[in-house]
């Protein structure tokens, strides 16, 4: 038998690996590796979920003075903060999706806001914030229009409304919105924050662009 024939019969890398895994030492090592990976996965997932939730509460949202001194101040005393039922809608309830995928995407998008906070200071004074208020509001309206007011519908859904219990004006408007396929943000652009000057025309442009009119 020639040396060439001997070389051809030697198992390759994967063959040698498989033969090693079939040995007691290999099996134990593989089992240990699986356990380590499993535990590491649990720790990573738990840590990631913990970090996600820690950045998804009102206290974290208003830790930046831009939010605390502007939109959070405007939110004080609104129906979403204090009402007869005692049910509150906080910052993440309105601005962060509950579904996992959209939530992660929104968190990634929020890194742009951190850049503005730490680097550019684009809205770090009330005066600057007012200058950008229409732009900021337009971004929120656009997102809500595209998602059919997804975050609003976590609490408010037409199919669960009892129009007979509502004031006549509210019942009529909600019925009209339901019949015409309107979404919450079409009528409620300023329920928790001050509206910028020229907001109505700006929202009409947002709606027209998304609806293709």
Protein backbone atom coordinates (compact mmCIF):
# COMPACT_ATOMS: atom_id res chain seq x y z
CA UNK A 1 0.00 0.00 0.00
CA UNK A 2 1.44 3.38 -0.97
CA UNK A 3 1.66 6.47 1.20
CA UNK A 4 -0.96 8.13 -0.99
CA UNK A 5 -3.51 5.41 -0.19
CA UNK A 6 -2.79 5.77 3.53
CA UNK A 7 -3.41 9.53 3.35
CA UNK A 8 -6.73 9.04 1.53
CA UNK A 9 -8.07 6.72 4.25
CA UNK A 10 -7.37 9.11 7.13
CA UNK A 11 -10.55 10.83 8.35
CA UNK A 12 -10.88 14.56 7.82
CA UNK A 13 -11.40 17.18 10.51
CA UNK A 14 -15.12 16.57 10.93
CA UNK A 15 -14.57 12.84 10.92
CA UNK A 16 -11.99 13.12 13.68
CA UNK A 17 -14.30 15.46 15.61
CA UNK A 18 -17.18 13.02 15.33
CA UNK A 19 -14.99 10.14 16.50
CA UNK A 20 -13.85 12.21 19.48
CA UNK A 21 -17.43 13.15 20.40
CA UNK A 22 -18.33 9.46 20.52
CA UNK A 23 -15.76 8.92 23.26
CA UNK A 24 -16.78 9.36 26.94
CA UNK A 25 -14.54 12.41 27.30
CA UNK A 26 -16.00 14.00 24.17
CA UNK A 27 -19.59 13.35 25.22
CA UNK A 28 -19.00 14.86 28.67
CA UNK A 29 -17.29 17.89 27.16
CA UNK A 30 -20.13 18.42 24.71
CA UNK A 31 -22.72 18.15 27.46
CA UNK A 32 -20.78 20.63 29.61
CA UNK A 33 -20.57 23.05 26.67
CA UNK A 34 -24.33 22.77 26.04
CA UNK A 35 -25.07 23.52 29.70
CA UNK A 36 -22.71 26.51 29.71
CA UNK A 37 -24.29 27.90 26.52
CA UNK A 38 -27.79 27.37 27.95
CA UNK A 39 -26.97 29.18 31.19
CA UNK A 40 -25.19 31.97 29.31
CA UNK A 41 -28.24 32.36 27.05
CA UNK A 42 -30.56 32.67 30.04
CA UNK A 43 -28.30 35.25 31.68
CA UNK A 44 -28.00 37.24 28.45
CA UNK A 45 -31.74 37.17 27.81
CA UNK A 46 -32.53 38.09 31.41
CA UNK A 47 -30.02 40.94 31.38
CA UNK A 48 -31.26 42.22 28.04
CA UNK A 49 -34.88 42.10 29.18
CA UNK A 50 -34.00 43.81 32.47
CA UNK A 51 -32.17 46.60 30.64
CA UNK A 52 -35.09 46.98 28.24
CA UNK A 53 -37.59 47.38 31.05
CA UNK A 54 -35.33 49.72 33.03
CA UNK A 55 -35.35 52.10 30.05
CA UNK A 56 -39.10 51.72 29.58
CA UNK A 57 -40.58 53.65 32.47
CA UNK A 58 -41.58 57.22 33.14
CA UNK A 59 -38.71 57.89 35.55
CA UNK A 60 -36.14 56.99 32.90
CA UNK A 61 -37.94 58.98 30.20
CA UNK A 62 -37.86 62.22 32.20
CA UNK A 63 -34.29 61.75 33.45
CA UNK A 64 -33.24 63.96 30.52
CA UNK A 65 -34.01 67.59 31.31
CA UNK A 66 -35.27 68.16 27.75
CA UNK A 67 -38.20 65.85 28.48
CA UNK A 68 -38.65 66.78 32.15
CA UNK A 69 -38.76 70.53 31.56
CA UNK A 70 -40.87 70.49 28.40
CA UNK A 71 -43.22 67.67 27.44
CA UNK A 72 -43.38 66.16 30.93
CA UNK A 73 -44.26 69.54 32.41
CA UNK A 74 -47.06 69.88 29.84
CA UNK A 75 -48.30 66.39 30.68
CA UNK A 76 -48.95 67.39 34.30
CA UNK A 77 -52.66 67.67 35.04
CA UNK A 78 -53.83 66.24 31.71
CA UNK A 79 -56.47 63.55 31.57
CA UNK A 80 -53.79 60.96 30.89
CA UNK A 81 -52.10 61.74 34.21
CA UNK A 82 -55.06 62.44 36.52
CA UNK A 83 -58.63 61.36 35.93
CA UNK A 84 -61.67 59.95 37.73
CA UNK A 85 -60.75 56.31 36.99
CA UNK A 86 -57.20 56.58 38.33
CA UNK A 87 -55.83 54.87 35.21
CA UNK A 88 -52.68 56.62 33.98
CA UNK A 89 -50.94 56.57 30.62
CA UNK A 90 -47.24 57.28 31.12
CA UNK A 91 -44.58 58.16 28.54
CA UNK A 92 -43.84 54.59 27.34
CA UNK A 93 -47.55 53.72 27.19
CA UNK A 94 -47.98 56.28 24.42
CA UNK A 95 -44.56 56.31 22.78
CA UNK A 96 -43.17 52.76 23.03
CA UNK A 97 -44.84 49.76 21.35
CA UNK A 98 -45.72 46.81 23.58
CA UNK A 99 -44.97 44.14 20.95
CA UNK A 100 -41.38 42.90 21.20
CA UNK A 101 -40.23 43.53 17.62
CA UNK A 102 -41.55 47.10 17.26
CA UNK A 103 -40.33 47.86 20.79
CA UNK A 104 -36.75 46.90 19.93
CA UNK A 105 -36.91 48.96 16.73
CA UNK A 106 -38.17 51.97 18.68
CA UNK A 107 -35.38 51.57 21.23
CA UNK A 108 -32.80 51.54 18.45
CA UNK A 109 -34.34 54.67 16.95
CA UNK A 110 -34.14 56.34 20.37
CA UNK A 111 -30.35 56.25 20.23
CA UNK A 112 -30.67 59.27 17.92
CA UNK A 113 -32.31 61.13 20.78
CA UNK A 114 -29.42 60.23 23.08
CA UNK A 115 -27.03 61.66 20.50
CA UNK A 116 -29.02 64.89 20.53
CA UNK A 117 -28.97 64.97 24.33
CA UNK A 118 -25.27 64.31 24.87
CA UNK A 119 -23.69 65.79 21.72
CA UNK A 120 -25.69 68.36 19.78
CA UNK A 121 -28.01 69.78 22.45
CA UNK A 122 -30.55 70.44 19.72
CA UNK A 123 -33.47 70.94 22.16
CA UNK A 124 -31.65 71.54 25.43
CA UNK A 125 -33.51 74.78 26.25
CA UNK A 126 -37.24 75.60 26.23
CA UNK A 127 -36.59 78.09 23.43
CA UNK A 128 -34.87 75.49 21.26
CA UNK A 129 -37.59 72.99 22.04
CA UNK A 130 -40.30 75.39 20.89
CA UNK A 131 -38.37 76.02 17.68
CA UNK A 132 -38.38 72.28 16.95
CA UNK A 133 -41.82 71.52 18.37
CA UNK A 134 -43.57 71.26 15.01
CA UNK A 135 -40.86 68.97 13.61
CA UNK A 136 -40.93 66.75 16.69
CA UNK A 137 -44.71 66.58 16.68
CA UNK A 138 -44.75 65.73 12.98
CA UNK A 139 -42.44 62.76 13.59
CA UNK A 140 -44.78 61.40 16.27
CA UNK A 141 -47.90 61.99 14.17
CA UNK A 142 -46.32 60.24 11.20
CA UNK A 143 -45.42 57.18 13.26
CA UNK A 144 -48.87 56.98 14.83
CA UNK A 145 -50.65 57.47 11.53
CA UNK A 146 -48.61 54.67 9.95
CA UNK A 147 -49.43 52.26 12.79
CA UNK A 148 -53.13 53.15 13.02
CA UNK A 149 -52.54 54.79 16.42
CA UNK A 150 -51.25 51.47 17.74
CA UNK A 151 -50.26 52.75 21.18
CA UNK A 152 -53.58 54.57 21.65
CA UNK A 153 -55.41 51.35 20.91
CA UNK A 154 -53.71 49.60 23.79
CA UNK A 155 -56.41 51.32 25.87
CA UNK A 156 -58.93 52.77 23.41
CA UNK A 157 -60.75 50.69 20.79
CA UNK A 158 -63.87 51.63 18.90
CA UNK A 159 -65.37 48.16 19.23
CA UNK A 160 -65.28 48.37 23.02
CA UNK A 161 -66.78 51.86 23.28
CA UNK A 162 -70.33 52.29 24.54
CA UNK A 163 -71.38 55.36 22.60
CA UNK A 164 -74.56 55.69 24.71
CA UNK A 165 -72.38 56.44 27.74
CA UNK A 166 -70.45 59.19 25.95
CA UNK A 167 -71.37 62.83 25.52
CA UNK A 168 -73.35 63.41 22.33
CA UNK A 169 -70.50 65.22 20.59
CA UNK A 170 -67.96 62.52 21.46
CA UNK A 171 -70.31 59.71 20.48
CA UNK A 172 -71.09 61.34 17.12
CA UNK A 173 -67.43 61.99 16.32
CA UNK A 174 -66.37 58.47 17.31
CA UNK A 175 -69.12 56.94 15.22
CA UNK A 176 -68.12 59.10 12.27
CA UNK A 177 -64.48 58.13 12.71
CA UNK A 178 -65.43 54.47 12.85
CA UNK A 179 -67.57 54.75 9.70
CA UNK A 180 -64.87 56.64 7.78
CA UNK A 181 -61.94 54.48 8.90
CA UNK A 182 -60.25 57.27 10.81
CA UNK A 183 -57.57 56.66 13.41
CA UNK A 184 -57.14 58.26 16.86
CA UNK A 185 -54.40 60.69 15.86
CA UNK A 186 -56.59 62.12 13.09
CA UNK A 187 -58.53 64.02 15.76
CA UNK A 188 -56.43 63.86 18.92
CA UNK A 189 -53.11 65.52 18.15
CA UNK A 190 -52.70 67.37 21.45
CA UNK A 191 -54.13 65.27 24.26
CA UNK A 192 -51.03 65.45 26.49
CA UNK A 193 -48.75 68.13 25.04
CA UNK A 194 -49.01 71.65 23.72
CA UNK A 195 -49.75 71.94 20.03
CA UNK A 196 -47.26 73.85 17.88
CA UNK A 197 -48.32 76.81 15.80
CA UNK A 198 -49.61 75.71 12.41
CA UNK A 199 -50.18 72.16 13.61
CA UNK A 200 -53.43 71.60 11.73
CA UNK A 201 -51.98 72.26 8.30
CA UNK A 202 -48.89 70.25 9.19
CA UNK A 203 -51.00 67.27 10.22
CA UNK A 204 -53.08 67.49 7.05
CA UNK A 205 -49.85 67.19 5.07
CA UNK A 206 -48.81 64.13 7.11
CA UNK A 207 -52.18 62.46 6.59
CA UNK A 208 -52.26 63.27 2.88
CA UNK A 209 -48.78 61.86 2.32
CA UNK A 210 -49.52 58.60 4.16
CA UNK A 211 -52.97 58.16 2.67
CA UNK A 212 -51.63 58.96 -0.80
CA UNK A 213 -54.02 61.81 -1.40
